[in-house]
């Protein structure tokens, strides 16, 4: 159970980092947009890996606790899915802005 909680803390930190980058990307022409997008994608990958570790850890837990932990993982997955969609939209905006700038010279 302690390992699950450590993974959960790690996941929360990854998602917080991701959300911080998304907030910075929300501003038009944010400084270092490409680096922010790359970093955000790395945060997503890290969060997905941690979620897999959490799911593996659940397998070793007694059944009375298992349902509670599975529910937590589902909530985290839903949150990550929503955050990934926000990243997709912000990335599209960054790419659109870059394309427009290159066309205009």
Foldseek 3Di string as FASTA:
>chain_A
DVVLVVLVVVLVVLVVLLVVLLVQLVDPPRPPNVVSLVSNVVSLVSNVVSLVVNVVVLVVDDPVCSVVSVVVSVVSVVVSVVSVVSSVVSVVVVVVVVVVVVVVD
